[in-house]
Amino acid sequence: MAIATLRAPERRNDAADAAERQGRIDLACALRWAARYDWHEAVANHFSLTVDPAGRRFLINPRNRHFARIRASELVLVDADDPATLDRPDAPERTAWHLHGAIHRRLPHARAALHVHSPYATVLATLADSRLKPIDQNGAMFFNRVVVDEHYGGLALEAESERCVGLFTDPAIRVMVMGNHGVLVLGDSVADAFNRLYYFERAAKTYVMALSTGQPLRALPDAVAERTAREVAEEEGAFAADHFAELTAILDAEEPNFRD
């Protein structure tokens, strides 16, 4: 008779509890701001953040809740290696579990993962050529740092999620334009990922608006775009932290219940 092997309970300490608490606050803040920026879609889309060193346990927004109402305590803690997650009464939405579970199983460097159908990134995802051309400084930030999924295969259930995540073959690539779908952004933290999503949506907006004029575009030379991307990367970490701290301060003044 086979003997069941039980996983030892995770040992918690004050530092781990504090880190999870801060992660909950950060993720709730990011969700609220995504709603403020109109990046959300009804009660769909999903953000996640890992809370253990291995990157397998992660927080994710609860099923069918509007981003604008989510509080830190309502985020759901799941294990990327637990196949019974969808049987839980508090299970996240199916595509959220499959996509973010695949991310955190296969990409240990992806501590945070943000998926939205933000307006301009989604327009970009509908173009036959979904590459973001470096026509301004924001666009140059992403030069050679984006992967485009050109083979949309339906809802992000198990097989489709595994296929999408498999396109992140280079750890330096932190943005995916999900063709005919939306955008997926990875980061070292919520602040890092949110800042990257913010600037990608801004760059996509500029690009889509420039295309709408019907006039020729003034694209930067490859060498200039690459140098700009490297220069931005050198400052990005501190800037992202400061950017997110300001967003948190605004919510503390206007919607402090996100911390609850």
C-alpha atoms as a PDB file:
ATOM      1  CA  MET A   1       0.000   0.000   0.000  1.00  0.00           C
ATOM      2  CA  ALA A   2       1.367   3.398  -0.961  1.00  0.00           C
ATOM      3  CA  ILE A   3       2.152   5.725   1.890  1.00  0.00           C
ATOM      4  CA  ALA A   4       1.057   9.324   1.410  1.00  0.00           C
ATOM      5  CA  THR A   5       3.798  11.901   1.768  1.00  0.00           C
ATOM      6  CA  LEU A   6       2.717  15.026   3.595  1.00  0.00           C
ATOM      7  CA  ARG A   7       4.419  18.350   3.032  1.00  0.00           C
ATOM      8  CA  ALA A   8       5.856  19.716   6.257  1.00  0.00           C
ATOM      9  CA  PRO A   9       4.087  22.868   7.384  1.00  0.00           C
ATOM     10  CA  GLU A  10       5.909  26.024   6.361  1.00  0.00           C
ATOM     11  CA  ARG A  11       7.786  27.632   9.186  1.00  0.00           C
ATOM     12  CA  ARG A  12       6.847  31.272   9.534  1.00  0.00           C
ATOM     13  CA  ASN A  13       8.663  34.040  11.342  1.00  0.00           C
ATOM     14  CA  ASP A  14       8.000  37.675  12.032  1.00  0.00           C
ATOM     15  CA  ALA A  15      10.067  38.810   9.046  1.00  0.00           C
ATOM     16  CA  ALA A  16       8.168  36.524   6.652  1.00  0.00           C
ATOM     17  CA  ASP A  17       4.835  37.674   8.062  1.00  0.00           C
ATOM     18  CA  ALA A  18       5.854  41.310   7.700  1.00  0.00           C
ATOM     19  CA  ALA A  19       7.028  40.741   4.116  1.00  0.00           C
ATOM     20  CA  GLU A  20       3.738  39.073   3.197  1.00  0.00           C
ATOM     21  CA  ARG A  21       1.787  41.897   4.827  1.00  0.00           C
ATOM     22  CA  GLN A  22       3.731  44.496   2.854  1.00  0.00           C
ATOM     23  CA  GLY A  23       3.269  42.458  -0.304  1.00  0.00           C
ATOM     24  CA  ARG A  24      -0.479  42.443   0.249  1.00  0.00           C
ATOM     25  CA  ILE A  25      -0.491  46.216   0.657  1.00  0.00           C
ATOM     26  CA  ASP A  26       1.608  46.729  -2.462  1.00  0.00           C
ATOM     27  CA  LEU A  27      -0.521  44.419  -4.580  1.00  0.00           C
ATOM     28  CA  ALA A  28      -3.773  46.018  -3.377  1.00  0.00           C
ATOM     29  CA  CYS A  29      -2.318  49.432  -4.185  1.00  0.00           C
ATOM     30  CA  ALA A  30      -1.360  48.317  -7.697  1.00  0.00           C
ATOM     31  CA  LEU A  31      -4.827  46.895  -8.324  1.00  0.00           C
ATOM     32  CA  ARG A  32      -6.525  50.102  -7.173  1.00  0.00           C
ATOM     33  CA  TRP A  33      -4.294  52.215  -9.416  1.00  0.00           C
ATOM     34  CA  ALA A  34      -4.889  49.944 -12.397  1.00  0.00           C
ATOM     35  CA  ALA A  35      -8.601  50.701 -11.964  1.00  0.00           C
ATOM     36  CA  ARG A  36      -7.908  54.427 -11.654  1.00  0.00           C
ATOM     37  CA  TYR A  37      -5.915  54.342 -14.891  1.00  0.00           C
ATOM     38  CA  ASP A  38      -8.674  52.362 -16.653  1.00  0.00           C
ATOM     39  CA  TRP A  39      -6.415  49.400 -17.351  1.00  0.00           C
ATOM     40  CA  HIS A  40      -8.855  46.897 -15.808  1.00  0.00           C
ATOM     41  CA  GLU A  41     -11.675  45.075 -17.592  1.00  0.00           C
ATOM     42  CA  ALA A  42     -14.883  44.381 -15.633  1.00  0.00           C
ATOM     43  CA  VAL A  43     -13.873  41.861 -12.926  1.00  0.00           C
ATOM     44  CA  ALA A  44     -11.293  40.115 -15.112  1.00  0.00           C
ATOM     45  CA  ASN A  45      -7.473  40.428 -15.334  1.00  0.00           C
ATOM     46  CA  HIS A  46      -5.053  39.523 -12.560  1.00  0.00           C
ATOM     47  CA  PHE A  47      -1.941  40.533 -10.624  1.00  0.00           C
ATOM     48  CA  SER A  48       0.288  38.225  -8.567  1.00  0.00           C
ATOM     49  CA  LEU A  49       3.250  38.468  -6.204  1.00  0.00           C
ATOM     50  CA  THR A  50       5.411  35.686  -4.762  1.00  0.00           C
ATOM     51  CA  VAL A  51       5.950  35.642  -0.994  1.00  0.00           C
ATOM     52  CA  ASP A  52       8.491  32.832  -0.465  1.00  0.00           C
ATOM     53  CA  PRO A  53      12.166  32.590  -1.477  1.00  0.00           C
ATOM     54  CA  ALA A  54      11.496  29.829  -4.013  1.00  0.00           C
ATOM     55  CA  GLY A  55       8.836  31.925  -5.722  1.00  0.00           C
ATOM     56  CA  ARG A  56       6.162  29.202  -5.667  1.00  0.00           C
ATOM     57  CA  ARG A  57       3.718  30.631  -3.126  1.00  0.00           C
ATOM     58  CA  PHE A  58       1.995  33.718  -4.408  1.00  0.00           C
ATOM     59  CA  LEU A  59      -0.746  36.214  -3.721  1.00  0.00           C
ATOM     60  CA  ILE A  60      -3.351  36.865  -6.400  1.00  0.00           C
ATOM     61  CA  ASN A  61      -6.531  38.921  -6.596  1.00  0.00           C
ATOM     62  CA  PRO A  62      -9.757  37.108  -5.639  1.00  0.00           C
ATOM     63  CA  ARG A  63     -12.161  35.775  -8.247  1.00  0.00           C
ATOM     64  CA  ASN A  64     -14.638  38.176  -9.820  1.00  0.00           C
ATOM     65  CA  ARG A  65     -13.808  41.212  -7.682  1.00  0.00           C
ATOM     66  CA  HIS A  66     -13.366  44.689  -9.120  1.00  0.00           C
ATOM     67  CA  PHE A  67      -9.830  46.042  -8.872  1.00  0.00           C
ATOM     68  CA  ALA A  68     -11.146  49.291  -7.345  1.00  0.00           C
ATOM     69  CA  ARG A  69     -12.520  47.521  -4.247  1.00  0.00           C
ATOM     70  CA  ILE A  70      -9.810  45.025  -3.369  1.00  0.00           C
ATOM     71  CA  ARG A  71      -8.233  45.199   0.082  1.00  0.00           C
ATOM     72  CA  ALA A  72      -4.937  43.719   1.216  1.00  0.00           C
ATOM     73  CA  SER A  73      -6.584  41.056   3.394  1.00  0.00           C
ATOM     74  CA  GLU A  74      -8.716  39.801   0.484  1.00  0.00           C
ATOM     75  CA  LEU A  75      -5.813  38.693  -1.684  1.00  0.00           C
ATOM     76  CA  VAL A  76      -5.645  34.914  -2.012  1.00  0.00           C
ATOM     77  CA  LEU A  77      -2.488  32.997  -1.079  1.00  0.00           C
ATOM     78  CA  VAL A  78      -1.900  29.941  -3.278  1.00  0.00           C
ATOM     79  CA  ASP A  79       0.857  27.469  -4.098  1.00  0.00           C
ATOM     80  CA  ALA A  80       1.931  27.080  -7.728  1.00  0.00           C
ATOM     81  CA  ASP A  81       2.600  23.384  -7.078  1.00  0.00           C
ATOM     82  CA  ASP A  82      -0.841  22.612  -5.620  1.00  0.00           C
ATOM     83  CA  PRO A  83      -3.070  21.036  -8.309  1.00  0.00           C
ATOM     84  CA  ALA A  84      -6.094  21.206  -5.994  1.00  0.00           C
ATOM     85  CA  THR A  85      -6.106  25.011  -5.896  1.00  0.00           C
ATOM     86  CA  LEU A  86      -9.175  25.312  -8.121  1.00  0.00           C
ATOM     87  CA  ASP A  87     -11.129  23.061  -5.726  1.00  0.00           C
ATOM     88  CA  ARG A  88     -10.785  25.581  -2.907  1.00  0.00           C
ATOM     89  CA  PRO A  89     -13.864  27.643  -1.984  1.00  0.00           C
ATOM     90  CA  ASP A  90     -11.738  30.781  -2.357  1.00  0.00           C
ATOM     91  CA  ALA A  91     -10.083  29.624  -5.594  1.00  0.00           C
ATOM     92  CA  PRO A  92      -8.918  32.346  -7.965  1.00  0.00           C
ATOM     93  CA  GLU A  93     -10.446  32.596 -11.433  1.00  0.00           C
ATOM     94  CA  ARG A  94      -9.383  29.703 -13.723  1.00  0.00           C
ATOM     95  CA  THR A  95      -7.275  31.657 -16.185  1.00  0.00           C
ATOM     96  CA  ALA A  96      -5.648  33.602 -13.333  1.00  0.00           C
ATOM     97  CA  TRP A  97      -4.570  30.345 -11.690  1.00  0.00           C
ATOM     98  CA  HIS A  98      -3.306  28.709 -14.874  1.00  0.00           C
ATOM     99  CA  LEU A  99      -1.395  31.736 -16.179  1.00  0.00           C
ATOM    100  CA  HIS A 100       0.159  32.889 -12.918  1.00  0.00           C
ATOM    101  CA  GLY A 101       0.734  29.354 -11.692  1.00  0.00           C
ATOM    102  CA  ALA A 102       2.729  28.657 -14.858  1.00  0.00           C
ATOM    103  CA  ILE A 103       4.664  31.912 -14.461  1.00  0.00           C
ATOM    104  CA  HIS A 104       5.682  31.206 -10.882  1.00  0.00           C
ATOM    105  CA  ARG A 105       6.530  27.555 -11.537  1.00  0.00           C
ATOM    106  CA  ARG A 106       8.685  28.262 -14.569  1.00  0.00           C
ATOM    107  CA  LEU A 107      10.097  31.774 -14.068  1.00  0.00           C
ATOM    108  CA  PRO A 108      11.660  32.084 -10.590  1.00  0.00           C
ATOM    109  CA  HIS A 109      12.929  35.587 -11.412  1.00  0.00           C
ATOM    110  CA  ALA A 110       9.343  36.809 -11.912  1.00  0.00           C
ATOM    111  CA  ARG A 111       8.431  37.888  -8.394  1.00  0.00           C
ATOM    112  CA  ALA A 112       5.501  39.984  -9.625  1.00  0.00           C
ATOM    113  CA  ALA A 113       3.316  39.429 -12.697  1.00  0.00           C
ATOM    114  CA  LEU A 114       0.684  41.881 -13.940  1.00  0.00           C
ATOM    115  CA  HIS A 115      -1.782  40.985 -16.705  1.00  0.00           C
ATOM    116  CA  VAL A 116      -4.273  43.520 -18.050  1.00  0.00           C
ATOM    117  CA  HIS A 117      -6.168  44.435 -21.188  1.00  0.00           C
ATOM    118  CA  SER A 118      -5.081  48.064 -20.962  1.00  0.00           C
ATOM    119  CA  PRO A 119      -6.426  50.116 -23.903  1.00  0.00           C
ATOM    120  CA  TYR A 120      -3.323  51.049 -25.875  1.00  0.00           C
ATOM    121  CA  ALA A 121      -1.279  47.907 -25.240  1.00  0.00           C
ATOM    122  CA  THR A 122      -4.317  45.925 -26.370  1.00  0.00           C
ATOM    123  CA  VAL A 123      -4.629  48.001 -29.543  1.00  0.00           C
ATOM    124  CA  LEU A 124      -0.963  47.258 -30.167  1.00  0.00           C
ATOM    125  CA  ALA A 125      -1.742  43.551 -29.665  1.00  0.00           C
ATOM    126  CA  THR A 126      -4.310  43.685 -32.482  1.00  0.00           C
ATOM    127  CA  LEU A 127      -1.916  44.985 -35.140  1.00  0.00           C
ATOM    128  CA  ALA A 128      -0.422  42.605 -37.701  1.00  0.00           C
ATOM    129  CA  ASP A 129       2.940  43.957 -36.560  1.00  0.00           C
ATOM    130  CA  SER A 130       2.652  44.277 -32.768  1.00  0.00           C
ATOM    131  CA  ARG A 131       6.200  45.457 -32.207  1.00  0.00           C
ATOM    132  CA  LEU A 132       6.515  48.752 -30.329  1.00  0.00           C
ATOM    133  CA  LYS A 133       8.655  51.025 -32.488  1.00  0.00           C
ATOM    134  CA  PRO A 134      11.067  53.339 -30.613  1.00  0.00           C
ATOM    135  CA  ILE A 135       9.560  56.653 -31.721  1.00  0.00           C
ATOM    136  CA  ASP A 136       9.979  58.368 -28.338  1.00  0.00           C
ATOM    137  CA  GLN A 137      11.996  58.007 -25.168  1.00  0.00           C
ATOM    138  CA  ASN A 138       9.369  55.857 -23.447  1.00  0.00           C
ATOM    139  CA  GLY A 139       9.230  53.492 -26.408  1.00  0.00           C
ATOM    140  CA  ALA A 140      13.027  53.276 -26.503  1.00  0.00           C
ATOM    141  CA  MET A 141      12.972  51.943 -22.914  1.00  0.00           C
ATOM    142  CA  PHE A 142      11.581  48.679 -24.300  1.00  0.00           C
ATOM    143  CA  PHE A 143      13.788  48.295 -27.350  1.00  0.00           C
ATOM    144  CA  ASN A 144      14.648  44.596 -27.803  1.00  0.00           C
ATOM    145  CA  ARG A 145      13.068  43.940 -24.382  1.00  0.00           C
ATOM    146  CA  VAL A 146       9.589  42.766 -25.405  1.00  0.00           C
ATOM    147  CA  VAL A 147       8.345  39.428 -26.727  1.00  0.00           C
ATOM    148  CA  VAL A 148       5.304  39.300 -28.988  1.00  0.00           C
ATOM    149  CA  ASP A 149       3.000  36.286 -28.887  1.00  0.00           C
ATOM    150  CA  GLU A 150       1.708  35.920 -32.434  1.00  0.00           C
ATOM    151  CA  HIS A 151      -0.300  32.724 -31.933  1.00  0.00           C
ATOM    152  CA  TYR A 152      -3.257  33.418 -29.659  1.00  0.00           C
ATOM    153  CA  GLY A 153      -4.971  30.098 -28.928  1.00  0.00           C
ATOM    154  CA  GLY A 154      -7.966  30.990 -26.754  1.00  0.00           C
ATOM    155  CA  LEU A 155      -8.477  31.502 -23.039  1.00  0.00           C
ATOM    156  CA  ALA A 156      -5.394  31.190 -20.849  1.00  0.00           C
ATOM    157  CA  LEU A 157      -6.230  27.736 -19.536  1.00  0.00           C
ATOM    158  CA  GLU A 158      -3.538  25.165 -18.824  1.00  0.00           C
ATOM    159  CA  ALA A 159      -2.078  24.471 -22.295  1.00  0.00           C
ATOM    160  CA  GLU A 160      -2.385  28.057 -23.513  1.00  0.00           C
ATOM    161  CA  SER A 161      -0.805  29.432 -20.338  1.00  0.00           C
ATOM    162  CA  GLU A 162       2.122  27.023 -20.547  1.00  0.00           C
ATOM    163  CA  ARG A 163       2.636  27.971 -24.204  1.00  0.00           C
ATOM    164  CA  CYS A 164       2.611  31.703 -23.431  1.00  0.00           C
ATOM    165  CA  VAL A 165       4.982  31.442 -20.479  1.00  0.00           C
ATOM    166  CA  GLY A 166       7.330  29.331 -22.588  1.00  0.00           C
ATOM    167  CA  LEU A 167       7.949  32.377 -24.772  1.00  0.00           C
ATOM    168  CA  PHE A 168       9.873  34.060 -21.949  1.00  0.00           C
ATOM    169  CA  THR A 169      13.135  32.392 -22.959  1.00  0.00           C
ATOM    170  CA  ASP A 170      15.347  35.326 -21.914  1.00  0.00           C
ATOM    171  CA  PRO A 171      15.193  36.524 -18.268  1.00  0.00           C
ATOM    172  CA  ALA A 172      15.904  40.052 -19.509  1.00  0.00           C
ATOM    173  CA  ILE A 173      12.547  40.095 -21.316  1.00  0.00           C
ATOM    174  CA  ARG A 174       9.931  41.377 -18.886  1.00  0.00           C
ATOM    175  CA  VAL A 175       7.050  42.364 -21.210  1.00  0.00           C
ATOM    176  CA  MET A 176       4.875  40.235 -23.465  1.00  0.00           C
ATOM    177  CA  VAL A 177       2.474  41.701 -25.984  1.00  0.00           C
ATOM    178  CA  MET A 178      -0.139  38.959 -25.987  1.00  0.00           C
ATOM    179  CA  GLY A 179      -1.358  39.079 -29.578  1.00  0.00           C
ATOM    180  CA  ASN A 180      -5.140  39.549 -29.930  1.00  0.00           C
ATOM    181  CA  HIS A 181      -5.315  39.664 -26.132  1.00  0.00           C
ATOM    182  CA  GLY A 182      -3.479  42.191 -23.942  1.00  0.00           C
ATOM    183  CA  VAL A 183      -0.186  42.619 -22.116  1.00  0.00           C
ATOM    184  CA  LEU A 184       1.760  40.707 -19.439  1.00  0.00           C
ATOM    185  CA  VAL A 185       4.494  42.432 -17.433  1.00  0.00           C
ATOM    186  CA  LEU A 186       6.972  40.823 -15.022  1.00  0.00           C
ATOM    187  CA  GLY A 187       9.048  42.436 -12.308  1.00  0.00           C
ATOM    188  CA  ASP A 188      11.297  41.971  -9.305  1.00  0.00           C
ATOM    189  CA  SER A 189       8.630  43.563  -7.097  1.00  0.00           C
ATOM    190  CA  VAL A 190       5.178  45.096  -7.427  1.00  0.00           C
ATOM    191  CA  ALA A 191       6.756  48.541  -7.752  1.00  0.00           C
ATOM    192  CA  ASP A 192       9.110  47.355 -10.479  1.00  0.00           C
ATOM    193  CA  ALA A 193       6.386  45.616 -12.487  1.00  0.00           C
ATOM    194  CA  PHE A 194       3.859  48.437 -12.049  1.00  0.00           C
ATOM    195  CA  ASN A 195       6.328  51.090 -13.168  1.00  0.00           C
ATOM    196  CA  ARG A 196       7.163  48.988 -16.229  1.00  0.00           C
ATOM    197  CA  LEU A 197       3.477  48.518 -17.052  1.00  0.00           C
ATOM    198  CA  TYR A 198       2.844  52.242 -16.622  1.00  0.00           C
ATOM    199  CA  TYR A 199       5.564  53.205 -19.082  1.00  0.00           C
ATOM    200  CA  PHE A 200       4.687  50.488 -21.557  1.00  0.00           C
ATOM    201  CA  GLU A 201       1.073  51.657 -21.692  1.00  0.00           C
ATOM    202  CA  ARG A 202       2.264  55.274 -22.095  1.00  0.00           C
ATOM    203  CA  ALA A 203       4.616  54.275 -24.912  1.00  0.00           C
ATOM    204  CA  ALA A 204       1.888  52.238 -26.612  1.00  0.00           C
ATOM    205  CA  LYS A 205      -0.468  55.228 -26.384  1.00  0.00           C
ATOM    206  CA  THR A 206       2.059  57.509 -28.057  1.00  0.00           C
ATOM    207  CA  TYR A 207       2.711  54.922 -30.759  1.00  0.00           C
ATOM    208  CA  VAL A 208      -0.972  54.262 -31.502  1.00  0.00           C
ATOM    209  CA  MET A 209      -1.750  57.987 -31.593  1.00  0.00           C
ATOM    210  CA  ALA A 210       1.204  58.609 -33.906  1.00  0.00           C
ATOM    211  CA  LEU A 211      -0.011  55.857 -36.247  1.00  0.00           C
ATOM    212  CA  SER A 212      -3.471  57.456 -36.275  1.00  0.00           C
ATOM    213  CA  THR A 213      -2.094  60.630 -37.891  1.00  0.00           C
ATOM    214  CA  GLY A 214      -1.202  58.702 -41.043  1.00  0.00           C
ATOM    215  CA  GLN A 215       2.092  60.587 -41.181  1.00  0.00           C
ATOM    216  CA  PRO A 216       5.546  58.955 -41.459  1.00  0.00           C
ATOM    217  CA  LEU A 217       7.050  58.067 -38.067  1.00  0.00           C
ATOM    218  CA  ARG A 218      10.431  59.309 -36.884  1.00  0.00           C
ATOM    219  CA  ALA A 219      11.877  56.151 -35.357  1.00  0.00           C
ATOM    220  CA  LEU A 220      15.093  56.371 -33.371  1.00  0.00           C
ATOM    221  CA  PRO A 221      18.172  54.621 -34.762  1.00  0.00           C
ATOM    222  CA  ASP A 222      18.692  51.175 -33.213  1.00  0.00           C
ATOM    223  CA  ALA A 223      21.924  52.235 -31.501  1.00  0.00           C
ATOM    224  CA  VAL A 224      20.279  55.235 -29.851  1.00  0.00           C
ATOM    225  CA  ALA A 225      17.253  53.198 -28.768  1.00  0.00           C
ATOM    226  CA  GLU A 226      19.480  50.506 -27.258  1.00  0.00           C
ATOM    227  CA  ARG A 227      21.610  53.052 -25.411  1.00  0.00           C
ATOM    228  CA  THR A 228      18.481  54.721 -24.051  1.00  0.00           C
ATOM    229  CA  ALA A 229      17.112  51.377 -22.832  1.00  0.00           C
ATOM    230  CA  ARG A 230      20.382  50.641 -21.021  1.00  0.00           C
ATOM    231  CA  GLU A 231      20.530  54.122 -19.477  1.00  0.00           C
ATOM    232  CA  VAL A 232      16.961  53.874 -18.213  1.00  0.00           C
ATOM    233  CA  ALA A 233      17.623  50.412 -16.773  1.00  0.00           C
ATOM    234  CA  GLU A 234      20.454  51.831 -14.653  1.00  0.00           C
ATOM    235  CA  GLU A 235      18.047  54.182 -12.883  1.00  0.00           C
ATOM    236  CA  GLU A 236      14.856  52.146 -13.119  1.00  0.00           C
ATOM    237  CA  GLY A 237      14.925  50.405  -9.739  1.00  0.00           C
ATOM    238  CA  ALA A 238      15.154  53.521  -7.578  1.00  0.00           C
ATOM    239  CA  PHE A 239      12.771  55.436  -9.819  1.00  0.00           C
ATOM    240  CA  ALA A 240      10.172  52.647  -9.700  1.00  0.00           C
ATOM    241  CA  ALA A 241      10.352  52.558  -5.898  1.00  0.00           C
ATOM    242  CA  ASP A 242       9.874  56.328  -5.656  1.00  0.00           C
ATOM    243  CA  HIS A 243       7.035  56.270  -8.199  1.00  0.00           C
ATOM    244  CA  PHE A 244       5.205  53.555  -6.289  1.00  0.00           C
ATOM    245  CA  ALA A 245       5.787  55.250  -2.943  1.00  0.00           C
ATOM    246  CA  GLU A 246       4.006  58.332  -4.289  1.00  0.00           C
ATOM    247  CA  LEU A 247       1.092  56.244  -5.563  1.00  0.00           C
ATOM    248  CA  THR A 248       0.834  54.598  -2.151  1.00  0.00           C
ATOM    249  CA  ALA A 249       0.853  57.976  -0.431  1.00  0.00           C
ATOM    250  CA  ILE A 250      -2.009  59.206  -2.631  1.00  0.00           C
ATOM    251  CA  LEU A 251      -4.099  56.148  -1.748  1.00  0.00           C
ATOM    252  CA  ASP A 252      -3.251  56.577   1.937  1.00  0.00           C
ATOM    253  CA  ALA A 253      -4.810  60.033   1.720  1.00  0.00           C
ATOM    254  CA  GLU A 254      -7.779  59.173  -0.495  1.00  0.00           C
ATOM    255  CA  GLU A 255      -8.591  55.451  -0.104  1.00  0.00           C
ATOM    256  CA  PRO A 256      -6.781  54.195   3.008  1.00  0.00           C
ATOM    257  CA  ASN A 257      -8.995  51.100   3.264  1.00  0.00           C
ATOM    258  CA  PHE A 258      -6.853  49.395   0.599  1.00  0.00           C
ATOM    259  CA  ARG A 259      -4.547  48.493   3.498  1.00  0.00           C
ATOM    260  CA  ASP A 260      -7.281  46.664   5.443  1.00  0.00           C
END
